[in-house]
PDB file of N, CA and C in Angstrom:
ATOM      1  N   MET A   1      12.771 -11.946 -35.530  1.00  0.00           N
ATOM      2  CA  MET A   1      12.665 -11.844 -34.088  1.00  0.00           C
ATOM      3  C   MET A   1      12.258 -13.203 -33.528  1.00  0.00           C
ATOM      4  N   ARG A   2      12.745 -13.507 -32.381  1.00  0.00           N
ATOM      5  CA  ARG A   2      12.437 -14.782 -31.729  1.00  0.00           C
ATOM      6  C   ARG A   2      11.064 -14.712 -31.081  1.00  0.00           C
ATOM      7  N   GLY A   3      10.706 -15.771 -30.350  1.00  0.00           N
ATOM      8  CA  GLY A   3       9.413 -15.837 -29.680  1.00  0.00           C
ATOM      9  C   GLY A   3       9.171 -14.641 -28.776  1.00  0.00           C
ATOM     10  N   LEU A   4       7.958 -14.192 -28.761  1.00  0.00           N
ATOM     11  CA  LEU A   4       7.586 -13.019 -27.988  1.00  0.00           C
ATOM     12  C   LEU A   4       6.852 -13.454 -26.734  1.00  0.00           C
ATOM     13  N   VAL A   5       7.249 -12.929 -25.598  1.00  0.00           N
ATOM     14  CA  VAL A   5       6.570 -13.210 -24.346  1.00  0.00           C
ATOM     15  C   VAL A   5       5.563 -12.099 -24.105  1.00  0.00           C
ATOM     16  N   VAL A   6       4.317 -12.483 -23.948  1.00  0.00           N
ATOM     17  CA  VAL A   6       3.266 -11.503 -23.703  1.00  0.00           C
ATOM     18  C   VAL A   6       2.871 -11.608 -22.238  1.00  0.00           C
ATOM     19  N   MET A   7       2.853 -10.480 -21.571  1.00  0.00           N
ATOM     20  CA  MET A   7       2.542 -10.436 -20.161  1.00  0.00           C
ATOM     21  C   MET A   7       1.286  -9.585 -19.965  1.00  0.00           C
ATOM     22  N   LYS A   8       0.350 -10.077 -19.190  1.00  0.00           N
ATOM     23  CA  LYS A   8      -0.858  -9.309 -18.897  1.00  0.00           C
ATOM     24  C   LYS A   8      -0.536  -8.300 -17.796  1.00  0.00           C
ATOM     25  N   ILE A   9      -0.951  -7.061 -18.020  1.00  0.00           N
ATOM     26  CA  ILE A   9      -0.703  -5.993 -17.050  1.00  0.00           C
ATOM     27  C   ILE A   9      -2.033  -5.349 -16.696  1.00  0.00           C
ATOM     28  N   LYS A  10      -2.329  -5.284 -15.403  1.00  0.00           N
ATOM     29  CA  LYS A  10      -3.560  -4.652 -14.923  1.00  0.00           C
ATOM     30  C   LYS A  10      -3.222  -3.279 -14.354  1.00  0.00           C
ATOM     31  N   VAL A  11      -3.965  -2.267 -14.765  1.00  0.00           N
ATOM     32  CA  VAL A  11      -3.784  -0.922 -14.227  1.00  0.00           C
ATOM     33  C   VAL A  11      -4.572  -0.837 -12.922  1.00  0.00           C
ATOM     34  N   LEU A  12      -3.863  -0.640 -11.821  1.00  0.00           N
ATOM     35  CA  LEU A  12      -4.510  -0.522 -10.515  1.00  0.00           C
ATOM     36  C   LEU A  12      -4.808   0.934 -10.172  1.00  0.00           C
ATOM     37  N   GLU A  13      -3.875   1.811 -10.500  1.00  0.00           N
ATOM     38  CA  GLU A  13      -4.049   3.253 -10.284  1.00  0.00           C
ATOM     39  C   GLU A  13      -3.310   3.981 -11.391  1.00  0.00           C
ATOM     40  N   LYS A  14      -3.897   5.082 -11.847  1.00  0.00           N
ATOM     41  CA  LYS A  14      -3.233   5.845 -12.904  1.00  0.00           C
ATOM     42  C   LYS A  14      -3.519   7.322 -12.691  1.00  0.00           C
ATOM     43  N   GLY A  15      -2.441   8.093 -12.574  1.00  0.00           N
ATOM     44  CA  GLY A  15      -2.544   9.537 -12.446  1.00  0.00           C
ATOM     45  C   GLY A  15      -1.626  10.199 -13.448  1.00  0.00           C
ATOM     46  N   LYS A  16      -1.558  11.510 -13.386  1.00  0.00           N
ATOM     47  CA  LYS A  16      -0.725  12.243 -14.336  1.00  0.00           C
ATOM     48  C   LYS A  16       0.751  11.871 -14.200  1.00  0.00           C
ATOM     49  N   ASN A  17       1.233  11.769 -12.965  1.00  0.00           N
ATOM     50  CA  ASN A  17       2.657  11.506 -12.729  1.00  0.00           C
ATOM     51  C   ASN A  17       2.941  10.179 -12.036  1.00  0.00           C
ATOM     52  N   LYS A  18       1.887   9.428 -11.708  1.00  0.00           N
ATOM     53  CA  LYS A  18       2.074   8.178 -10.967  1.00  0.00           C
ATOM     54  C   LYS A  18       1.234   7.073 -11.590  1.00  0.00           C
ATOM     55  N   VAL A  19       1.742   5.857 -11.499  1.00  0.00           N
ATOM     56  CA  VAL A  19       0.994   4.703 -11.971  1.00  0.00           C
ATOM     57  C   VAL A  19       1.328   3.506 -11.092  1.00  0.00           C
ATOM     58  N   LYS A  20       0.328   2.647 -10.910  1.00  0.00           N
ATOM     59  CA  LYS A  20       0.500   1.420 -10.141  1.00  0.00           C
ATOM     60  C   LYS A  20      -0.068   0.288 -10.998  1.00  0.00           C
ATOM     61  N   LEU A  21       0.789  -0.681 -11.351  1.00  0.00           N
ATOM     62  CA  LEU A  21       0.415  -1.749 -12.270  1.00  0.00           C
ATOM     63  C   LEU A  21       0.684  -3.114 -11.657  1.00  0.00           C
ATOM     64  N   GLU A  22      -0.203  -4.065 -11.927  1.00  0.00           N
ATOM     65  CA  GLU A  22       0.006  -5.451 -11.519  1.00  0.00           C
ATOM     66  C   GLU A  22       0.460  -6.239 -12.744  1.00  0.00           C
ATOM     67  N   PHE A  23       1.570  -6.942 -12.617  1.00  0.00           N
ATOM     68  CA  PHE A  23       2.124  -7.745 -13.709  1.00  0.00           C
ATOM     69  C   PHE A  23       1.764  -9.209 -13.461  1.00  0.00           C
ATOM     70  N   VAL A  24       0.751  -9.681 -14.166  1.00  0.00           N
ATOM     71  CA  VAL A  24       0.239 -11.033 -13.958  1.00  0.00           C
ATOM     72  C   VAL A  24       1.250 -12.059 -14.472  1.00  0.00           C
ATOM     73  N   GLY A  25       1.682 -12.944 -13.580  1.00  0.00           N
ATOM     74  CA  GLY A  25       2.594 -14.015 -13.957  1.00  0.00           C
ATOM     75  C   GLY A  25       4.064 -13.639 -13.994  1.00  0.00           C
ATOM     76  N   ALA A  26       4.391 -12.395 -13.721  1.00  0.00           N
ATOM     77  CA  ALA A  26       5.797 -11.976 -13.731  1.00  0.00           C
ATOM     78  C   ALA A  26       6.488 -12.458 -12.457  1.00  0.00           C
ATOM     79  N   ASP A  27       7.798 -12.601 -12.539  1.00  0.00           N
ATOM     80  CA  ASP A  27       8.555 -13.011 -11.364  1.00  0.00           C
ATOM     81  C   ASP A  27       9.462 -11.873 -10.899  1.00  0.00           C
ATOM     82  N   GLU A  28      10.132 -12.121  -9.801  1.00  0.00           N
ATOM     83  CA  GLU A  28      10.978 -11.091  -9.206  1.00  0.00           C
ATOM     84  C   GLU A  28      12.131 -10.686 -10.116  1.00  0.00           C
ATOM     85  N   SER A  29      12.661 -11.620 -10.875  1.00  0.00           N
ATOM     86  CA  SER A  29      13.764 -11.297 -11.793  1.00  0.00           C
ATOM     87  C   SER A  29      13.339 -10.271 -12.830  1.00  0.00           C
ATOM     88  N   THR A  30      12.170 -10.470 -13.401  1.00  0.00           N
ATOM     89  CA  THR A  30      11.645  -9.534 -14.398  1.00  0.00           C
ATOM     90  C   THR A  30      11.450  -8.153 -13.790  1.00  0.00           C
ATOM     91  N   MET A  31      10.870  -8.109 -12.610  1.00  0.00           N
ATOM     92  CA  MET A  31      10.565  -6.825 -11.980  1.00  0.00           C
ATOM     93  C   MET A  31      11.834  -6.092 -11.566  1.00  0.00           C
ATOM     94  N   TYR A  32      12.836  -6.839 -11.106  1.00  0.00           N
ATOM     95  CA  TYR A  32      14.095  -6.215 -10.705  1.00  0.00           C
ATOM     96  C   TYR A  32      14.753  -5.524 -11.898  1.00  0.00           C
ATOM     97  N   VAL A  33      14.835  -6.231 -13.017  1.00  0.00           N
ATOM     98  CA  VAL A  33      15.455  -5.657 -14.219  1.00  0.00           C
ATOM     99  C   VAL A  33      14.684  -4.419 -14.671  1.00  0.00           C
ATOM    100  N   LEU A  34      13.358  -4.498 -14.658  1.00  0.00           N
ATOM    101  CA  LEU A  34      12.539  -3.364 -15.096  1.00  0.00           C
ATOM    102  C   LEU A  34      12.716  -2.152 -14.178  1.00  0.00           C
ATOM    103  N   THR A  35      12.686  -2.356 -12.874  1.00  0.00           N
ATOM    104  CA  THR A  35      12.833  -1.211 -11.964  1.00  0.00           C
ATOM    105  C   THR A  35      14.230  -0.600 -12.057  1.00  0.00           C
ATOM    106  N   GLN A  36      15.249  -1.435 -12.235  1.00  0.00           N
ATOM    107  CA  GLN A  36      16.608  -0.897 -12.381  1.00  0.00           C
ATOM    108  C   GLN A  36      16.721  -0.040 -13.636  1.00  0.00           C
ATOM    109  N   LYS A  37      16.133  -0.514 -14.726  1.00  0.00           N
ATOM    110  CA  LYS A  37      16.178   0.249 -15.975  1.00  0.00           C
ATOM    111  C   LYS A  37      15.369   1.542 -15.835  1.00  0.00           C
ATOM    112  N   LEU A  38      14.247   1.488 -15.155  1.00  0.00           N
ATOM    113  CA  LEU A  38      13.445   2.697 -14.935  1.00  0.00           C
ATOM    114  C   LEU A  38      14.225   3.740 -14.141  1.00  0.00           C
ATOM    115  N   MET A  39      14.975   3.299 -13.140  1.00  0.00           N
ATOM    116  CA  MET A  39      15.716   4.243 -12.304  1.00  0.00           C
ATOM    117  C   MET A  39      16.893   4.879 -13.039  1.00  0.00           C
ATOM    118  N   GLU A  40      17.276   4.332 -14.187  1.00  0.00           N
ATOM    119  CA  GLU A  40      18.306   4.960 -15.015  1.00  0.00           C
ATOM    120  C   GLU A  40      17.749   6.154 -15.786  1.00  0.00           C
ATOM    121  N   ASP A  41      16.434   6.255 -15.875  1.00  0.00           N
ATOM    122  CA  ASP A  41      15.761   7.338 -16.601  1.00  0.00           C
ATOM    123  C   ASP A  41      15.726   8.579 -15.706  1.00  0.00           C
ATOM    124  N   SER A  42      16.295   9.662 -16.168  1.00  0.00           N
ATOM    125  CA  SER A  42      16.358  10.890 -15.364  1.00  0.00           C
ATOM    126  C   SER A  42      14.978  11.481 -15.087  1.00  0.00           C
ATOM    127  N   LYS A  43      13.976  11.087 -15.858  1.00  0.00           N
ATOM    128  CA  LYS A  43      12.619  11.603 -15.653  1.00  0.00           C
ATOM    129  C   LYS A  43      11.812  10.767 -14.661  1.00  0.00           C
ATOM    130  N   VAL A  44      12.366   9.649 -14.231  1.00  0.00           N
ATOM    131  CA  VAL A  44      11.689   8.796 -13.257  1.00  0.00           C
ATOM    132  C   VAL A  44      12.134   9.206 -11.857  1.00  0.00           C
ATOM    133  N   VAL A  45      11.173   9.590 -11.038  1.00  0.00           N
ATOM    134  CA  VAL A  45      11.443  10.015  -9.668  1.00  0.00           C
ATOM    135  C   VAL A  45      11.582   8.801  -8.756  1.00  0.00           C
ATOM    136  N   ASN A  46      10.715   7.811  -8.961  1.00  0.00           N
ATOM    137  CA  ASN A  46      10.725   6.620  -8.121  1.00  0.00           C
ATOM    138  C   ASN A  46      10.168   5.442  -8.915  1.00  0.00           C
ATOM    139  N   ALA A  47      10.765   4.299  -8.745  1.00  0.00           N
ATOM    140  CA  ALA A  47      10.270   3.057  -9.336  1.00  0.00           C
ATOM    141  C   ALA A  47      10.554   1.939  -8.347  1.00  0.00           C
ATOM    142  N   LYS A  48       9.514   1.238  -7.959  1.00  0.00           N
ATOM    143  CA  LYS A  48       9.685   0.124  -7.023  1.00  0.00           C
ATOM    144  C   LYS A  48       8.585  -0.899  -7.277  1.00  0.00           C
ATOM    145  N   TYR A  49       8.796  -2.093  -6.783  1.00  0.00           N
ATOM    146  CA  TYR A  49       7.774  -3.120  -6.907  1.00  0.00           C
ATOM    147  C   TYR A  49       7.636  -3.850  -5.583  1.00  0.00           C
ATOM    148  N   THR A  50       6.481  -4.448  -5.398  1.00  0.00           N
ATOM    149  CA  THR A  50       6.233  -5.259  -4.217  1.00  0.00           C
ATOM    150  C   THR A  50       5.600  -6.573  -4.657  1.00  0.00           C
ATOM    151  N   ILE A  51       5.899  -7.604  -3.902  1.00  0.00           N
ATOM    152  CA  ILE A  51       5.250  -8.904  -4.081  1.00  0.00           C
ATOM    153  C   ILE A  51       4.881  -9.374  -2.678  1.00  0.00           C
ATOM    154  N   ARG A  52       3.588  -9.421  -2.396  1.00  0.00           N
ATOM    155  CA  ARG A  52       3.174  -9.804  -1.045  1.00  0.00           C
ATOM    156  C   ARG A  52       3.646 -11.216  -0.707  1.00  0.00           C
ATOM    157  N   HIS A  53       3.403 -12.160  -1.604  1.00  0.00           N
ATOM    158  CA  HIS A  53       3.888 -13.527  -1.426  1.00  0.00           C
ATOM    159  C   HIS A  53       4.310 -14.054  -2.792  1.00  0.00           C
ATOM    160  N   PRO A  54       5.580 -14.452  -2.949  1.00  0.00           N
ATOM    161  CA  PRO A  54       6.089 -14.813  -4.280  1.00  0.00           C
ATOM    162  C   PRO A  54       5.382 -15.998  -4.935  1.00  0.00           C
ATOM    163  N   LEU A  55       4.776 -16.864  -4.164  1.00  0.00           N
ATOM    164  CA  LEU A  55       4.090 -18.018  -4.744  1.00  0.00           C
ATOM    165  C   LEU A  55       2.601 -17.777  -4.970  1.00  0.00           C
ATOM    166  N   ALA A  56       2.052 -16.759  -4.318  1.00  0.00           N
ATOM    167  CA  ALA A  56       0.603 -16.569  -4.383  1.00  0.00           C
ATOM    168  C   ALA A  56       0.165 -15.258  -5.026  1.00  0.00           C
ATOM    169  N   ASP A  57       1.049 -14.271  -5.089  1.00  0.00           N
ATOM    170  CA  ASP A  57       0.640 -12.949  -5.561  1.00  0.00           C
ATOM    171  C   ASP A  57       1.477 -12.498  -6.746  1.00  0.00           C
ATOM    172  N   ASN A  58       0.880 -11.626  -7.537  1.00  0.00           N
ATOM    173  CA  ASN A  58       1.583 -11.010  -8.662  1.00  0.00           C
ATOM    174  C   ASN A  58       2.323  -9.766  -8.187  1.00  0.00           C
ATOM    175  N   PRO A  59       3.436  -9.436  -8.822  1.00  0.00           N
ATOM    176  CA  PRO A  59       4.146  -8.210  -8.461  1.00  0.00           C
ATOM    177  C   PRO A  59       3.359  -6.974  -8.872  1.00  0.00           C
ATOM    178  N   VAL A  60       3.500  -5.937  -8.060  1.00  0.00           N
ATOM    179  CA  VAL A  60       2.872  -4.646  -8.334  1.00  0.00           C
ATOM    180  C   VAL A  60       3.985  -3.618  -8.480  1.00  0.00           C
ATOM    181  N   LEU A  61       3.967  -2.914  -9.602  1.00  0.00           N
ATOM    182  CA  LEU A  61       4.975  -1.900  -9.907  1.00  0.00           C
ATOM    183  C   LEU A  61       4.390  -0.520  -9.665  1.00  0.00           C
ATOM    184  N   TYR A  62       5.157   0.323  -8.978  1.00  0.00           N
ATOM    185  CA  TYR A  62       4.783   1.708  -8.730  1.00  0.00           C
ATOM    186  C   TYR A  62       5.838   2.586  -9.392  1.00  0.00           C
ATOM    187  N   VAL A  63       5.387   3.503 -10.251  1.00  0.00           N
ATOM    188  CA  VAL A  63       6.314   4.415 -10.926  1.00  0.00           C
ATOM    189  C   VAL A  63       5.800   5.840 -10.790  1.00  0.00           C
ATOM    190  N   GLU A  64       6.701   6.722 -10.372  1.00  0.00           N
ATOM    191  CA  GLU A  64       6.417   8.155 -10.309  1.00  0.00           C
ATOM    192  C   GLU A  64       7.426   8.855 -11.210  1.00  0.00           C
ATOM    193  N   ALA A  65       6.932   9.765 -12.032  1.00  0.00           N
ATOM    194  CA  ALA A  65       7.801  10.440 -12.995  1.00  0.00           C
ATOM    195  C   ALA A  65       7.508  11.934 -13.034  1.00  0.00           C
ATOM    196  N   SER A  66       8.474  12.684 -13.551  1.00  0.00           N
ATOM    197  CA  SER A  66       8.269  14.111 -13.787  1.00  0.00           C
ATOM    198  C   SER A  66       8.659  14.399 -15.233  1.00  0.00           C
ATOM    199  N   ASP A  67       7.981  15.313 -15.855  1.00  0.00           N
ATOM    200  CA  ASP A  67       8.240  15.698 -17.251  1.00  0.00           C
ATOM    201  C   ASP A  67       7.994  14.571 -18.249  1.00  0.00           C
ATOM    202  N   THR A  68       7.298  13.530 -17.843  1.00  0.00           N
ATOM    203  CA  THR A  68       6.902  12.451 -18.749  1.00  0.00           C
ATOM    204  C   THR A  68       5.778  11.665 -18.089  1.00  0.00           C
ATOM    205  N   ARG A  69       5.019  10.970 -18.898  1.00  0.00           N
ATOM    206  CA  ARG A  69       4.002  10.077 -18.334  1.00  0.00           C
ATOM    207  C   ARG A  69       4.694   8.800 -17.880  1.00  0.00           C
ATOM    208  N   PRO A  70       4.337   8.276 -16.715  1.00  0.00           N
ATOM    209  CA  PRO A  70       4.978   7.055 -16.222  1.00  0.00           C
ATOM    210  C   PRO A  70       4.865   5.885 -17.204  1.00  0.00           C
ATOM    211  N   ILE A  71       3.733   5.781 -17.892  1.00  0.00           N
ATOM    212  CA  ILE A  71       3.554   4.701 -18.869  1.00  0.00           C
ATOM    213  C   ILE A  71       4.603   4.807 -19.973  1.00  0.00           C
ATOM    214  N   ASN A  72       4.895   6.024 -20.406  1.00  0.00           N
ATOM    215  CA  ASN A  72       5.917   6.211 -21.443  1.00  0.00           C
ATOM    216  C   ASN A  72       7.297   5.802 -20.939  1.00  0.00           C
ATOM    217  N   ALA A  73       7.584   6.093 -19.673  1.00  0.00           N
ATOM    218  CA  ALA A  73       8.869   5.687 -19.086  1.00  0.00           C
ATOM    219  C   ALA A  73       8.974   4.165 -19.039  1.00  0.00           C
ATOM    220  N   ILE A  74       7.880   3.498 -18.705  1.00  0.00           N
ATOM    221  CA  ILE A  74       7.877   2.032 -18.659  1.00  0.00           C
ATOM    222  C   ILE A  74       8.099   1.465 -20.060  1.00  0.00           C
ATOM    223  N   LYS A  75       7.451   2.052 -21.050  1.00  0.00           N
ATOM    224  CA  LYS A  75       7.636   1.596 -22.440  1.00  0.00           C
ATOM    225  C   LYS A  75       9.090   1.767 -22.882  1.00  0.00           C
ATOM    226  N   ARG A  76       9.687   2.908 -22.550  1.00  0.00           N
ATOM    227  CA  ARG A  76      11.094   3.141 -22.914  1.00  0.00           C
ATOM    228  C   ARG A  76      12.005   2.113 -22.248  1.00  0.00           C
ATOM    229  N   ALA A  77      11.749   1.851 -20.972  1.00  0.00           N
ATOM    230  CA  ALA A  77      12.573   0.882 -20.239  1.00  0.00           C
ATOM    231  C   ALA A  77      12.428  -0.512 -20.839  1.00  0.00           C
ATOM    232  N   ALA A  78      11.207  -0.913 -21.149  1.00  0.00           N
ATOM    233  CA  ALA A  78      10.976  -2.242 -21.724  1.00  0.00           C
ATOM    234  C   ALA A  78      11.664  -2.379 -23.080  1.00  0.00           C
ATOM    235  N   LYS A  79      11.588  -1.339 -23.899  1.00  0.00           N
ATOM    236  CA  LYS A  79      12.253  -1.377 -25.213  1.00  0.00           C
ATOM    237  C   LYS A  79      13.771  -1.455 -25.058  1.00  0.00           C
ATOM    238  N   ALA A  80      14.317  -0.742 -24.090  1.00  0.00           N
ATOM    239  CA  ALA A  80      15.764  -0.773 -23.856  1.00  0.00           C
ATOM    240  C   ALA A  80      16.208  -2.159 -23.391  1.00  0.00           C
ATOM    241  N   ILE A  81      15.422  -2.774 -22.519  1.00  0.00           N
ATOM    242  CA  ILE A  81      15.745  -4.126 -22.040  1.00  0.00           C
ATOM    243  C   ILE A  81      15.699  -5.110 -23.203  1.00  0.00           C
ATOM    244  N   ARG A  82      14.659  -5.005 -24.020  1.00  0.00           N
ATOM    245  CA  ARG A  82      14.549  -5.894 -25.181  1.00  0.00           C
ATOM    246  C   ARG A  82      15.757  -5.740 -26.102  1.00  0.00           C
ATOM    247  N   ALA A  83      16.174  -4.502 -26.352  1.00  0.00           N
ATOM    248  CA  ALA A  83      17.325  -4.255 -27.228  1.00  0.00           C
ATOM    249  C   ALA A  83      18.600  -4.862 -26.641  1.00  0.00           C
ATOM    250  N   GLU A  84      18.777  -4.754 -25.331  1.00  0.00           N
ATOM    251  CA  GLU A  84      19.959  -5.331 -24.692  1.00  0.00           C
ATOM    252  C   GLU A  84      19.985  -6.850 -24.843  1.00  0.00           C
ATOM    253  N   PHE A  85      18.828  -7.492 -24.681  1.00  0.00           N
ATOM    254  CA  PHE A  85      18.773  -8.943 -24.828  1.00  0.00           C
ATOM    255  C   PHE A  85      18.963  -9.363 -26.281  1.00  0.00           C
ATOM    256  N   GLU A  86      18.417  -8.595 -27.212  1.00  0.00           N
ATOM    257  CA  GLU A  86      18.619  -8.912 -28.630  1.00  0.00           C
ATOM    258  C   GLU A  86      20.097  -8.811 -29.000  1.00  0.00           C
ATOM    259  N   ASP A  87      20.787  -7.798 -28.485  1.00  0.00           N
ATOM    260  CA  ASP A  87      22.230  -7.668 -28.726  1.00  0.00           C
ATOM    261  C   ASP A  87      22.994  -8.848 -28.130  1.00  0.00           C
ATOM    262  N   ALA A  88      22.599  -9.253 -26.932  1.00  0.00           N
ATOM    263  CA  ALA A  88      23.264 -10.387 -26.290  1.00  0.00           C
ATOM    264  C   ALA A  88      23.074 -11.658 -27.115  1.00  0.00           C
ATOM    265  N   LEU A  89      21.874 -11.867 -27.646  1.00  0.00           N
ATOM    266  CA  LEU A  89      21.626 -13.045 -28.484  1.00  0.00           C
ATOM    267  C   LEU A  89      22.461 -13.016 -29.754  1.00  0.00           C
ATOM    268  N   LYS A  90      22.588 -11.842 -30.361  1.00  0.00           N
ATOM    269  CA  LYS A  90      23.414 -11.715 -31.568  1.00  0.00           C
ATOM    270  C   LYS A  90      24.861 -12.069 -31.264  1.00  0.00           C
ATOM    271  N   ASN A  91      25.353 -11.628 -30.114  1.00  0.00           N
ATOM    272  CA  ASN A  91      26.730 -11.940 -29.721  1.00  0.00           C
ATOM    273  C   ASN A  91      26.927 -13.435 -29.488  1.00  0.00           C
ATOM    274  N   LEU A  92      25.918 -14.095 -28.951  1.00  0.00           N
ATOM    275  CA  LEU A  92      26.010 -15.540 -28.730  1.00  0.00           C
ATOM    276  C   LEU A  92      26.023 -16.309 -30.043  1.00  0.00           C
ATOM    277  N   GLU A  93      25.272 -15.804 -31.009  1.00  0.00           N
ATOM    278  CA  GLU A  93      25.165 -16.483 -32.297  1.00  0.00           C
ATOM    279  C   GLU A  93      26.387 -16.235 -33.175  1.00  0.00           C
ATOM    280  N   GLY A  94      27.160 -15.225 -32.811  1.00  0.00           N
ATOM    281  CA  GLY A  94      28.395 -14.943 -33.545  1.00  0.00           C
ATOM    282  C   GLY A  94      28.146 -14.077 -34.673  1.00  0.00           C
TER     283      GLY A  94
END
């Protein structure tokens, strides 16, 4: 496996079906890909992020889910994104 990017995540709110997380140092590109992948999950009711100011604030992700814990949905989405990028790298390497 290639270099691993570690991102600090702060839990701002956590409930049975909802979670609000701050992604320290993440950018809009990362959050867009994550929210799009989350919305492909049939158990995710809503996934969105906000960034008050792109140069001064960290993005905050809000996820609401049914029949699953939101944290589990985020983990599934992150693993799926990682797998897609690993496949793309393999294709580039031939």
